[in-house]
Structures are given as structure tokens and as C-alpha cells.
Protein backbone atom coordinates (compact mmCIF):
# COMPACT_ATOMS: atom_id res chain seq x y z
CA UNK A 1 15.08 -5.68 21.63
CA UNK A 2 13.24 -2.38 20.80
CA UNK A 3 9.53 -2.45 20.06
CA UNK A 4 8.18 -1.47 16.85
CA UNK A 5 6.77 1.77 18.56
CA UNK A 6 10.10 2.54 19.93
CA UNK A 7 11.62 1.95 16.76
CA UNK A 8 9.16 4.17 15.17
CA UNK A 9 10.18 6.80 17.77
CA UNK A 10 13.60 6.65 16.62
CA UNK A 11 12.37 7.27 13.05
CA UNK A 12 10.62 10.44 14.31
CA UNK A 13 13.90 11.54 15.86
CA UNK A 14 15.67 10.90 12.76
CA UNK A 15 13.24 12.90 10.68
CA UNK A 16 13.50 15.73 13.28
CA UNK A 17 17.39 15.71 13.21
CA UNK A 18 17.04 16.35 9.35
CA UNK A 19 14.54 19.22 9.91
CA UNK A 20 16.66 20.76 12.48
CA UNK A 21 19.64 20.85 10.14
CA UNK A 22 17.99 22.88 7.40
CA UNK A 23 16.46 20.16 5.21
CA UNK A 24 12.69 20.83 5.34
CA UNK A 25 11.17 19.45 2.53
CA UNK A 26 9.49 16.18 3.51
CA UNK A 27 10.06 14.46 0.30
CA UNK A 28 13.93 15.59 0.37
CA UNK A 29 14.03 14.24 3.92
CA UNK A 30 12.61 10.98 2.81
CA UNK A 31 15.02 10.63 -0.36
CA UNK A 32 18.06 11.19 1.74
CA UNK A 33 17.13 8.86 4.47
CA UNK A 34 16.02 6.22 1.82
CA UNK A 35 19.62 6.55 0.23
CA UNK A 36 21.18 5.60 3.48
CA UNK A 37 18.86 2.76 4.16
CA UNK A 38 19.91 1.53 0.66
CA UNK A 39 23.42 1.96 1.42
CA UNK A 40 23.16 -0.04 4.53
CA UNK A 41 21.04 -2.86 2.87
CA UNK A 42 23.78 -3.10 0.16
CA UNK A 43 26.38 -3.92 2.88
CA UNK A 44 24.15 -6.31 4.67
CA UNK A 45 23.45 -8.08 1.21
CA UNK A 46 27.15 -8.36 0.40
CA UNK A 47 27.82 -9.69 4.20
CA UNK A 48 25.06 -12.38 3.68
CA UNK A 49 26.93 -13.40 0.34
CA UNK A 50 30.11 -13.46 2.10
CA UNK A 51 28.88 -15.94 4.92
CA UNK A 52 27.25 -18.12 2.47
CA UNK A 53 30.56 -18.30 0.37
CA UNK A 54 32.51 -18.93 3.53
CA UNK A 55 30.20 -21.84 4.68
CA UNK A 56 30.47 -23.32 1.34
CA UNK A 57 34.27 -22.72 0.95
CA UNK A 58 33.92 -21.00 -2.28
CA UNK A 59 34.11 -17.27 -3.90
CA UNK A 60 31.39 -14.92 -3.45
CA UNK A 61 28.65 -15.35 -6.23
CA UNK A 62 26.91 -12.08 -6.23
CA UNK A 63 29.14 -9.45 -4.67
CA UNK A 64 28.04 -5.90 -4.33
CA UNK A 65 31.63 -4.49 -3.69
CA UNK A 66 34.90 -5.80 -4.92
CA UNK A 67 37.97 -6.27 -2.90
CA UNK A 68 39.73 -3.34 -3.77
CA UNK A 69 40.30 -1.03 -0.47
CA UNK A 70 38.25 1.86 -2.22
CA UNK A 71 35.31 -0.30 -2.48
CA UNK A 72 35.51 -2.11 0.65
CA UNK A 73 35.56 1.47 2.56
CA UNK A 74 32.47 2.14 0.74
CA UNK A 75 30.52 -0.62 2.99
CA UNK A 76 28.29 0.75 5.71
CA UNK A 77 30.18 -1.52 8.19
CA UNK A 78 33.24 0.19 7.70
CA UNK A 79 32.61 3.95 6.89
CA UNK A 80 30.22 3.96 10.01
CA UNK A 81 33.23 4.11 12.10
CA UNK A 82 35.14 6.67 10.24
CA UNK A 83 35.42 10.22 11.49
CA UNK A 84 32.71 12.48 10.39
CA UNK A 85 34.76 14.45 7.89
CA UNK A 86 36.22 11.19 6.26
CA UNK A 87 32.92 9.55 6.23
CA UNK A 88 31.37 12.44 4.67
CA UNK A 89 34.16 12.48 1.91
CA UNK A 90 33.54 8.65 1.30
CA UNK A 91 29.96 9.08 0.89
CA UNK A 92 29.74 11.94 -1.04
CA UNK A 93 32.64 11.04 -3.48
CA UNK A 94 32.55 7.10 -3.83
CA UNK A 95 29.35 5.72 -2.32
CA UNK A 96 26.92 7.96 -3.84
CA UNK A 97 28.23 7.66 -7.29
CA UNK A 98 28.30 4.08 -6.85
CA UNK A 99 24.73 3.61 -6.26
CA UNK A 100 23.66 5.82 -8.92
CA UNK A 101 25.43 3.64 -11.62
CA UNK A 102 24.52 0.41 -10.14
CA UNK A 103 21.66 -2.13 -10.87
CA UNK A 104 19.79 -2.53 -14.30
CA UNK A 105 19.25 0.02 -16.80
CA UNK A 106 15.69 0.88 -15.36
CA UNK A 107 17.16 1.44 -11.96
CA UNK A 108 20.05 3.81 -13.28
CA UNK A 109 18.13 5.93 -15.44
CA UNK A 110 16.39 7.43 -12.57
CA UNK A 111 19.08 7.30 -10.11
CA UNK A 112 21.20 9.56 -12.59
CA UNK A 113 19.15 12.58 -11.16
CA UNK A 114 19.66 11.76 -7.34
CA UNK A 115 21.68 14.28 -5.65
CA UNK A 116 23.43 13.88 -2.13
CA UNK A 117 21.96 16.85 -0.27
CA UNK A 118 23.14 16.17 3.38
CA UNK A 119 24.88 19.59 4.34
CA UNK A 120 27.39 18.48 6.52
CA UNK A 121 29.72 15.86 8.08
CA UNK A 122 28.02 16.30 11.41
CA UNK A 123 24.45 15.49 10.17
CA UNK A 124 25.65 12.36 8.14
CA UNK A 125 27.61 11.06 11.03
CA UNK A 126 24.49 11.49 13.22
CA UNK A 127 22.16 10.06 10.84
CA UNK A 128 24.40 6.98 10.17
CA UNK A 129 24.84 6.53 13.79
CA UNK A 130 20.76 6.62 14.33
CA UNK A 131 20.15 4.22 11.47
CA UNK A 132 22.95 1.95 12.50
CA UNK A 133 21.01 1.43 15.95
CA UNK A 134 17.69 0.71 14.43
CA UNK A 135 16.97 -3.06 14.84
CA UNK A 136 16.09 -4.07 11.11
CA UNK A 137 17.44 -7.63 10.71
CA UNK A 138 14.10 -8.96 10.26
CA UNK A 139 12.52 -8.56 6.92
CA UNK A 140 9.05 -7.76 8.10
CA UNK A 141 10.43 -5.17 10.67
CA UNK A 142 12.48 -3.49 8.16
CA UNK A 143 9.47 -3.23 5.85
CA UNK A 144 7.21 -1.74 8.36
CA UNK A 145 9.79 0.96 9.35
CA UNK A 146 10.35 1.68 5.85
CA UNK A 147 6.78 2.02 5.25
CA UNK A 148 6.39 4.18 8.28
CA UNK A 149 8.95 6.62 6.89
CA UNK A 150 7.35 6.72 3.42
CA UNK A 151 4.07 7.05 5.03
CA UNK A 152 5.10 10.80 6.08
CA UNK A 153 4.93 11.56 2.43
CA UNK A 154 0.88 11.57 2.71
CA UNK A 155 0.49 13.03 6.14
CA UNK A 156 -1.77 15.45 4.56
CA UNK A 157 -3.25 13.17 1.93
CA UNK A 158 -2.04 15.75 -0.77
CA UNK A 159 -3.65 15.13 -4.11
CA UNK A 160 -5.66 12.02 -2.66
CA UNK A 161 -2.40 10.09 -2.52
CA UNK A 162 -2.99 8.09 0.55
CA UNK A 163 -0.43 5.49 1.28
CA UNK A 164 -1.95 2.04 1.49
CA UNK A 165 -1.03 0.39 4.86
CA UNK A 166 1.05 -2.73 4.37
CA UNK A 167 -1.31 -5.21 5.98
CA UNK A 168 -3.93 -3.98 3.49
CA UNK A 169 -1.38 -4.43 0.64
CA UNK A 170 -0.66 -8.10 1.76
CA UNK A 171 -4.27 -8.92 2.05
CA UNK A 172 -4.82 -7.49 -1.44
CA UNK A 173 -1.94 -9.59 -2.86
CA UNK A 174 -3.30 -12.65 -1.29
CA UNK A 175 -6.81 -11.99 -2.97
CA UNK A 176 -5.17 -11.55 -6.07
CA UNK A 177 -3.42 -14.85 -5.61
CA UNK A 178 -0.31 -13.78 -7.55
CA UNK A 179 1.26 -16.88 -9.54
CA UNK A 180 4.78 -17.20 -10.61
CA UNK A 181 3.89 -16.51 -14.19
CA UNK A 182 1.83 -13.55 -13.61
CA UNK A 183 3.05 -9.96 -15.02
CA UNK A 184 1.99 -7.67 -12.33
CA UNK A 185 1.30 -4.07 -12.79
CA UNK A 186 0.67 -0.98 -10.70
CA UNK A 187 -0.26 1.85 -12.67
CA UNK A 188 0.15 4.54 -9.81
CA UNK A 189 2.87 2.70 -8.18
CA UNK A 190 4.23 5.58 -5.88
CA UNK A 191 6.92 3.97 -3.65
CA UNK A 192 6.18 0.33 -4.79
CA UNK A 193 4.33 -1.03 -1.88
CA UNK A 194 2.07 -3.17 -3.57
CA UNK A 195 5.03 -4.70 -5.96
CA UNK A 196 6.83 -5.24 -2.67
CA UNK A 197 3.99 -7.11 -1.10
CA UNK A 198 3.80 -9.14 -4.40
CA UNK A 199 7.44 -10.02 -4.00
CA UNK A 200 7.31 -10.88 -0.35
CA UNK A 201 4.15 -13.27 -1.15
CA UNK A 202 6.02 -14.92 -3.95
CA UNK A 203 9.08 -15.64 -1.79
CA UNK A 204 6.90 -17.34 1.14
CA UNK A 205 4.53 -19.22 -1.04
CA UNK A 206 6.56 -20.26 -4.23
CA UNK A 207 10.01 -20.50 -2.74
CA UNK A 208 10.83 -22.92 -5.47
CA UNK A 209 10.30 -20.47 -8.53
CA UNK A 210 13.79 -18.78 -7.08
CA UNK A 211 15.57 -22.20 -8.06
CA UNK A 212 14.35 -22.21 -11.53
CA UNK A 213 16.48 -20.21 -14.05
CA UNK A 214 13.53 -19.28 -16.16
CA UNK A 215 11.09 -18.32 -13.61
CA UNK A 216 13.95 -16.16 -11.95
CA UNK A 217 14.70 -14.37 -15.35
CA UNK A 218 11.02 -13.69 -15.60
CA UNK A 219 10.84 -12.52 -11.91
CA UNK A 220 13.79 -10.17 -12.25
CA UNK A 221 13.02 -8.85 -15.79
CA UNK A 222 9.38 -9.06 -17.11
CA UNK A 223 7.00 -9.65 -13.88
CA UNK A 224 6.80 -6.32 -12.03
CA UNK A 225 5.72 -2.91 -13.75
CA UNK A 226 5.07 0.22 -11.87
CA UNK A 227 4.23 3.74 -13.27
CA UNK A 228 4.24 7.16 -11.72
CA UNK A 229 4.98 10.64 -12.79
CA UNK A 230 7.02 11.84 -9.93
CA UNK A 231 10.89 11.29 -10.16
CA UNK A 232 11.39 11.31 -6.70
CA UNK A 233 8.88 8.56 -6.11
CA UNK A 234 10.44 6.65 -8.94
CA UNK A 235 13.98 6.49 -7.37
CA UNK A 236 12.37 5.71 -4.07
CA UNK A 237 10.30 3.00 -5.62
CA UNK A 238 13.57 1.44 -7.52
CA UNK A 239 15.63 1.35 -4.30
CA UNK A 240 12.56 -0.35 -2.49
CA UNK A 241 12.32 -2.88 -5.15
CA UNK A 242 16.14 -3.59 -5.14
CA UNK A 243 16.26 -3.78 -1.38
CA UNK A 244 13.78 -6.76 -1.49
CA UNK A 245 15.78 -8.59 -3.87
CA UNK A 246 14.55 -7.35 -7.25
CA UNK A 247 17.34 -6.78 -9.66
CA UNK A 248 16.11 -4.95 -12.34
CA UNK A 249 12.48 -3.17 -11.59
CA UNK A 250 10.51 -1.90 -14.33
CA UNK A 251 9.78 1.20 -12.67
CA UNK A 252 9.04 3.88 -15.29
CA UNK A 253 8.00 7.62 -15.76
CA UNK A 254 4.34 7.43 -16.87
CA UNK A 255 1.50 9.50 -16.44
CA UNK A 256 -1.07 6.52 -16.75
CA UNK A 257 -3.85 8.60 -17.93
CA UNK A 258 -2.31 10.70 -20.43
CA UNK A 259 -2.49 10.51 -24.08
CA UNK A 260 1.39 9.65 -24.19
CA UNK A 261 0.55 6.42 -22.10
CA UNK A 262 -2.50 5.48 -24.66
CA UNK A 263 -0.14 2.77 -26.41
CA UNK A 264 -0.30 0.62 -23.11
CA UNK A 265 -2.70 -2.23 -23.56
CA UNK A 266 -3.21 -5.72 -22.82
CA UNK A 267 0.26 -6.43 -21.36
CA UNK A 268 -0.23 -7.57 -17.78
CA UNK A 269 -2.33 -10.43 -16.28
CA UNK A 270 -2.87 -8.81 -12.82
CA UNK A 271 -3.29 -5.16 -11.40
CA UNK A 272 -2.82 -4.18 -8.06
CA UNK A 273 -3.28 -0.52 -7.21
CA UNK A 274 -4.76 2.16 -5.15
CA UNK A 275 -5.00 4.90 -7.48
CA UNK A 276 -5.03 8.62 -6.47
CA UNK A 277 -8.67 9.84 -5.96
CA UNK A 278 -10.03 13.23 -4.92
CA UNK A 279 -8.59 14.75 -8.10
CA UNK A 280 -9.90 15.88 -11.58
CA UNK A 281 -7.74 16.18 -14.78
CA UNK A 282 -7.86 18.68 -17.59
CA UNK A 283 -9.97 17.02 -20.12
CA UNK A 284 -7.69 17.88 -23.05
CA UNK A 285 -4.64 15.65 -21.35
CA UNK A 286 -6.70 12.54 -20.91
CA UNK A 287 -5.97 9.66 -23.31
CA UNK A 288 -8.55 9.70 -26.05
CA UNK A 289 -9.03 5.98 -25.74
CA UNK A 290 -9.77 6.47 -22.14
CA UNK A 291 -12.06 9.21 -22.55
CA UNK A 292 -14.11 7.21 -25.24
CA UNK A 293 -14.77 4.43 -22.49
CA UNK A 294 -15.81 6.88 -19.87
CA UNK A 295 -16.69 10.38 -20.18
CA UNK A 296 -15.11 12.27 -17.05
CA UNK A 297 -12.18 13.96 -15.39
CA UNK A 298 -12.26 11.96 -12.23
CA UNK A 299 -9.07 9.93 -11.81
CA UNK A 300 -10.77 7.31 -9.79
CA UNK A 301 -13.19 6.33 -12.53
CA UNK A 302 -10.27 6.94 -15.32
CA UNK A 303 -8.08 4.32 -13.53
CA UNK A 304 -10.65 1.72 -13.62
CA UNK A 305 -11.06 2.11 -17.24
CA UNK A 306 -7.39 2.08 -17.89
CA UNK A 307 -6.86 -1.22 -15.67
CA UNK A 308 -9.45 -2.79 -17.97
CA UNK A 309 -7.51 -1.78 -21.00
CA UNK A 310 -3.90 -2.88 -19.90
CA UNK A 311 -5.12 -6.14 -18.59
CA UNK A 312 -4.89 -9.13 -21.03
CA UNK A 313 -8.16 -11.19 -21.28
CA UNK A 314 -8.47 -13.48 -18.24
CA UNK A 315 -6.47 -11.08 -16.24
CA UNK A 316 -7.66 -9.78 -12.80
CA UNK A 317 -7.61 -6.56 -10.84
CA UNK A 318 -7.71 -5.98 -7.19
CA UNK A 319 -8.18 -2.24 -6.58
CA UNK A 320 -9.09 0.27 -3.82
CA UNK A 321 -11.59 2.92 -4.98
CA UNK A 322 -13.34 5.42 -2.77
CA UNK A 323 -16.98 4.79 -1.86
CA UNK A 324 -18.40 7.18 -4.29
CA UNK A 325 -17.34 4.93 -7.14
CA UNK A 326 -19.68 2.50 -5.70
CA UNK A 327 -22.90 4.46 -5.50
CA UNK A 328 -22.29 7.83 -7.59
CA UNK A 329 -25.18 8.89 -9.62
CA UNK A 330 -23.29 10.70 -12.54
CA UNK A 331 -23.35 9.03 -15.98
CA UNK A 332 -19.67 8.39 -15.68
CA UNK A 333 -20.00 6.66 -12.14
CA UNK A 334 -22.83 4.41 -13.61
CA UNK A 335 -21.01 3.57 -16.91
CA UNK A 336 -18.06 2.34 -15.43
CA UNK A 337 -19.85 0.08 -12.79
CA UNK A 338 -21.86 -1.21 -15.66
CA UNK A 339 -18.88 -2.11 -17.64
CA UNK A 340 -17.51 -3.78 -14.78
CA UNK A 341 -20.74 -5.97 -14.45
CA UNK A 342 -22.02 -6.40 -18.00
CA UNK A 343 -18.66 -6.57 -19.99
CA UNK A 344 -16.38 -7.95 -17.54
CA UNK A 345 -16.74 -10.36 -14.54
CA UNK A 346 -16.93 -8.53 -11.26
CA UNK A 347 -16.07 -10.75 -8.56
CA UNK A 348 -16.14 -9.03 -5.36
CA UNK A 349 -16.79 -5.53 -3.38
CA UNK A 350 -15.14 -5.54 0.03
CA UNK A 351 -16.17 -2.53 2.19
CA UNK A 352 -13.55 -1.17 4.51
CA UNK A 353 -14.26 1.13 7.50
CA UNK A 354 -13.27 4.48 7.14
CA UNK A 355 -10.31 4.57 9.72
CA UNK A 356 -8.24 2.22 7.48
CA UNK A 357 -6.21 5.05 6.30
CA UNK A 358 -6.06 7.31 9.42
CA UNK A 359 -4.33 9.36 10.56
CA UNK A 360 -3.67 10.75 7.28
CA UNK A 361 -7.12 10.48 5.99
CA UNK A 362 -10.71 9.43 7.12
CA UNK A 363 -11.99 8.54 3.72
CA UNK A 364 -14.20 5.50 3.27
CA UNK A 365 -13.10 2.76 0.72
CA UNK A 366 -13.75 -0.27 -0.65
CA UNK A 367 -11.83 -3.09 -2.74
CA UNK A 368 -13.17 -4.23 -6.07
CA UNK A 369 -11.90 -7.40 -7.58
CA UNK A 370 -12.52 -8.37 -11.07
CA UNK A 371 -11.61 -10.33 -14.27
CA UNK A 372 -11.41 -8.99 -17.68
CA UNK A 373 -13.53 -10.98 -20.18
CA UNK A 374 -14.64 -8.46 -22.45
CA UNK A 375 -17.68 -10.83 -22.71
CA UNK A 376 -19.50 -10.55 -19.31
CA UNK A 377 -19.93 -13.30 -17.04
CA UNK A 378 -21.05 -11.48 -13.84
CA UNK A 379 -23.85 -13.68 -12.38
CA UNK A 380 -23.44 -12.87 -8.83
CA UNK A 381 -21.09 -10.53 -6.71
CA UNK A 382 -19.62 -11.27 -3.45
CA UNK A 383 -19.80 -8.74 -0.74
CA UNK A 384 -17.92 -8.52 2.50
CA UNK A 385 -18.78 -6.10 5.36
CA UNK A 386 -15.09 -5.45 6.74
CA UNK A 387 -15.52 -4.05 10.35
CA UNK A 388 -11.89 -4.41 11.74
CA UNK A 389 -8.50 -4.70 10.21
CA UNK A 390 -6.56 -5.69 13.51
CA UNK A 391 -6.03 -1.90 14.53
CA UNK A 392 -8.04 0.71 16.14
CA UNK A 393 -9.75 3.08 13.85
CA UNK A 394 -8.58 6.19 15.34
CA UNK A 395 -5.50 8.32 14.60
CA UNK A 396 -3.42 5.94 16.69
CA UNK A 397 -4.13 2.79 15.00
CA UNK A 398 -2.79 0.63 17.61
CA UNK A 399 -3.15 -3.27 17.36
CA UNK A 400 -6.20 -4.95 18.62
CA UNK A 401 -7.43 -8.59 18.46
CA UNK A 402 -10.55 -7.97 16.45
CA UNK A 403 -9.41 -8.63 12.69
CA UNK A 404 -11.64 -9.56 9.84
CA UNK A 405 -8.61 -9.81 7.26
CA UNK A 406 -7.83 -13.50 7.86
CA UNK A 407 -11.71 -14.47 7.46
CA UNK A 408 -11.97 -12.10 4.45
CA UNK A 409 -9.08 -14.04 2.65
CA UNK A 410 -10.36 -17.74 3.78
CA UNK A 411 -13.90 -16.61 2.85
CA UNK A 412 -13.14 -15.42 -0.72
CA UNK A 413 -11.12 -18.27 -1.74
CA UNK A 414 -14.06 -20.42 -0.42
CA UNK A 415 -16.87 -18.39 -1.78
CA UNK A 416 -18.03 -20.75 -4.44
CA UNK A 417 -18.46 -23.54 -2.01
CA UNK A 418 -20.72 -21.59 0.34
CA UNK A 419 -23.08 -19.55 -2.01
CA UNK A 420 -24.19 -17.57 0.95
CA UNK A 421 -27.37 -15.30 0.32
CA UNK A 422 -28.11 -14.45 3.82
CA UNK A 423 -27.93 -10.57 3.78
CA UNK A 424 -27.78 -10.18 7.60
CA UNK A 425 -24.39 -12.10 7.44
CA UNK A 426 -20.83 -10.32 7.36
CA UNK A 427 -20.47 -11.80 3.88
CA UNK A 428 -23.06 -12.55 1.16
CA UNK A 429 -23.55 -12.94 -2.59
CA UNK A 430 -26.03 -10.41 -4.48
CA UNK A 431 -27.48 -11.61 -8.04
CA UNK A 432 -26.13 -9.49 -11.04
CA UNK A 433 -29.85 -8.76 -12.01
CA UNK A 434 -30.57 -7.30 -8.30
CA UNK A 435 -27.76 -4.95 -8.93
CA UNK A 436 -28.80 -3.87 -12.27
CA UNK A 437 -32.22 -3.33 -10.92
CA UNK A 438 -30.69 -0.95 -8.23
CA UNK A 439 -28.83 1.44 -11.11
CA UNK A 440 -25.72 -0.86 -10.66
CA UNK A 441 -25.29 0.50 -7.16
CA UNK A 442 -22.48 -1.31 -5.33
CA UNK A 443 -22.71 0.23 -1.97
CA UNK A 444 -23.00 -2.90 0.57
CA UNK A 445 -25.54 -0.72 2.50
CA UNK A 446 -27.84 -1.16 -0.48
CA UNK A 447 -28.04 -4.77 0.11
CA UNK A 448 -27.10 -5.56 3.66
CA UNK A 449 -30.22 -6.38 5.88
CA UNK A 450 -29.56 -4.85 9.47
CA UNK A 451 -31.17 -6.95 12.29
CA UNK A 452 -32.51 -4.82 14.86
CA UNK A 453 -33.02 -6.28 18.30
CA UNK A 454 -36.42 -5.66 19.77
CA UNK A 455 -36.43 -3.71 22.92
CA UNK A 456 -39.50 -3.78 25.40
CA UNK A 457 -40.07 -0.41 27.18
CA UNK A 458 -42.45 0.22 30.20
CA UNK A 459 -45.62 2.03 29.65
CA UNK A 460 -45.15 5.82 29.76
CA UNK A 461 -47.30 6.02 32.95
CA UNK A 462 -44.85 3.26 34.70
CA UNK A 463 -41.92 5.37 33.41
CA UNK A 464 -43.31 8.61 34.79
CA UNK A 465 -44.04 7.19 38.40
CA UNK A 466 -40.41 5.90 38.52
CA UNK A 467 -39.04 9.26 37.87
CA UNK A 468 -41.10 10.82 40.49
CA UNK A 469 -39.95 8.21 42.99
CA UNK A 470 -36.41 8.92 42.04
CA UNK A 471 -36.95 12.65 42.36
CA UNK A 472 -38.57 12.13 46.05
CA UNK A 473 -35.44 10.14 47.00
CA UNK A 474 -33.18 12.85 45.86
CA UNK A 475 -35.20 15.36 47.52
CA UNK A 476 -35.31 13.60 50.77
CA UNK A 477 -31.53 12.99 50.67
CA UNK A 478 -30.86 16.71 49.93
CA UNK A 479 -33.29 17.52 53.09
CA UNK A 480 -31.02 15.28 55.25
CA UNK A 481 -27.89 16.63 53.99
CA UNK A 482 -29.07 20.24 54.72
CA UNK A 483 -30.10 19.11 58.23
CA UNK A 484 -26.57 17.63 59.02
CA UNK A 485 -25.02 21.09 58.01
């Protein structure tokens, strides 16, 4: 069985094959490969239903394809063995129109603009063969490989859009402790990575909800919302959601910070996000009800104000922010932190090392966790100083044993039973009044006490004497060497 590194190398080779055949736009490459991944997943889903039906000796409950020869030829397992020209005709004329019109209304409205852009039968046949050889039976492996492909979107960190590593997304979903009755929103969803992590978390922790008709109905129709203003991202996100078992994803075109989205308010119970930062907007385009909350054009501050607005009272947010949000001294920076502490209930600040987003960015970030109360309630804030996330913090990001994530999850869930105020520890509480006295600064370095180990040195005269003795030994050795020559 191929290792994950070998499989990533195969993805790289697939990527290079598209580029060498004239498709040089990274987003176009990713879209076309995503379509093929999705088509393969549809056949695998149908095969699973077939096997289930055969075991139970009954008709297929949720078939993807019907029994007609035309639709049977549209299955990956069938057309992959066709001659290149025949395969190309089937995929272009039958399979692609089929996937554009399947699924619920939300999925179809973004897929209708999808374009099949693979230029030749030879490239399609090569791509199908390469994808077919990828070992993606395991859901985690499949997710890791797809996330690796999608990570290429942000190779240069364009517009501050850095893909969230999958293990960080899984950690945040656990910290948010999503429940079967929640309504989850990512207002800058990109390829829906956080929503996928939420789906996987629910399937693992609450399998019984998928046996309950009402809860399954909620899961498929009303539980997840993702917004973005890039149609390519919306198509990829929709396919990503459907590939992970979500039938009708609410992935919508929305510039979440604009006046057009100003009607969004108090509709969700949980926000999980890594909104774009390192950007500023035109003041005239910002929703007036956001601008009235925080006077700024910085996206990272506006998104925090947006999250407060769209959460229902009692709802919670788990969001990645750049370090500047924690200690920035502008009026806008101070105002948003003051609102989180004085008007809402700020639960935690988890400081992450700068290498978490490498190789795409070396930006330092933190995770803020807060509950919307509109009546305050912050008496103390839990800080955690993450040093390791299970991977090296260089560009290679290879797995290592050191990993704070399990301790972060366990310690956060148990934080009220510990009440740790030892600021030399990896995690501790800081009183809200202390934070107020420090200008609402949320940087962990403002409160963490570093314990320095005392080192005893020799007196200077002794050090000089030792240096002279060493120099004498070196000189003697040089003279002996010279004599030998």
C-alpha cells in the first residue's frame, strides 16, 4: 500500500500532467481534477449501495445511476476501460451533463456554470488512469489527498487566503463541540473544509442521528451553511460536501461583508471559520450594520463583527485570527476585543506557532473561542500556548511525535475543573479585569511568565586563564606538527 507521501507525489504528477497539456490556470486544474474525483466517488457510492442491496436481497435504496445501458456506461468502473476517444465522448456528452444536474437545488445552481475543459482524449485517459491508481478507499486518506490537492490554490497565500490544515480543522470542530441540533456556518467557506470536518465529527460521535428521520432531515437540509464569492470555490465546496455524504449543501454565493449580506443575522448556533486576512475593503462596499459596530476596512476585524451578528444568542464561535487582532493598538482593534470581552463571553485564546500554515505562509495566528450573550459574562479567559501540532514547523511539515492538540482538546473541556492561574504553565486563566487593565490585549506573551534557568559562570579571570591555557596547547600542537613536516 502506498504511503501518503507517495500518494501526494502522484497528485503532483497528475497536476504536472495537466499543466504540460496546456491547462496552466491553477484553479482550472483543480476544478477539472475535482470533477473527476467526484465522478469516481459517485460510482463508488453506487457500488456500496449495490453491495448493501445484494446482502439484504432487496432493490437499491439510493441508486446514483439507473439500470439503462447509457447510465451504466457513465460509471467510472465502466468507462475507465474504454478507448480514449470513446471515454472522452461518454464523459463529455453524458457524464458531465449528468453531474451538472444532479443533487439538490443549491448544488445544481452552481454546477450549471461548470465547464468540461480537458482538451483531448489522451489527457482524459491519462488522468483517469492516474486517479484510478490512487488508493483512496479510506475516508481519512481520501480527505487528506483532496485537501492536499486543494491546498495548491493557496500556494502563494493570495489575498490572505491560507488553507486551514485538516488536523487544525478537526481540532476546532472538537473544541466547538458541534451537536446534532446545531446550525453551523462558515461565512468564508472556500472549499468547505471546516464543514467537512464537522460532518466527519458528527458521523463519528453521533452515528445514531443518521438513523433518526428528523435529525437526518436537519443534517441534509438545514444544518450547514457556507458562503463565498468565488463561483469556482462554490462548485468545489458543493462537490466536496456531496462527496462526504451531504445531499443538499447550503453553499451560497455571498460576499459576507457587503451590504447585500446585511440581512444575515442570528440564524446559526455555531461559527467555525478561518476568514481571509491581510486585506482591506473599499469602505463604501462594507455593510452599514458592520461598519457601525467597528470602524475599519480590515477584513479580519469585520469578520469578527459579522460572526457576532449572525450567531443566535447562546451560539458559539471558534475562529482563526492573525496575531495582530490580539494586540493591535488601533481603535478598531481595541473596540472588537472590548466587545468580545465586555458584551460577549470570551472563552479562550489558543496561540498557534507560525509554522502551522507553512509552506504557504509563515503568519502567526491564534484561535478565539467565544459565546454570544449580548450581556457580557467574561470573568476569566483561558490561554493555551501551543508549541507543536504534530508536524515540523518548517516548509516540509513532516509528522513528529510532539503534538499539543490532544492536550488542548482535553484541557479545554476540563478547564473549569482546574482553574489554573500559574502563568508559567502551558495553559492558564487570566482574569478579565487584568485584561481590561492591559488595554484588552489578548496576546499570550502579555501574561505568560517565562521561567529562566539560572546559569552559573566562572569569574572572568578564571575564564581568561582557561583561554590562555587552550591557546598554549594549540600553539604547542602546531609546533609539533611543523617539526614533523
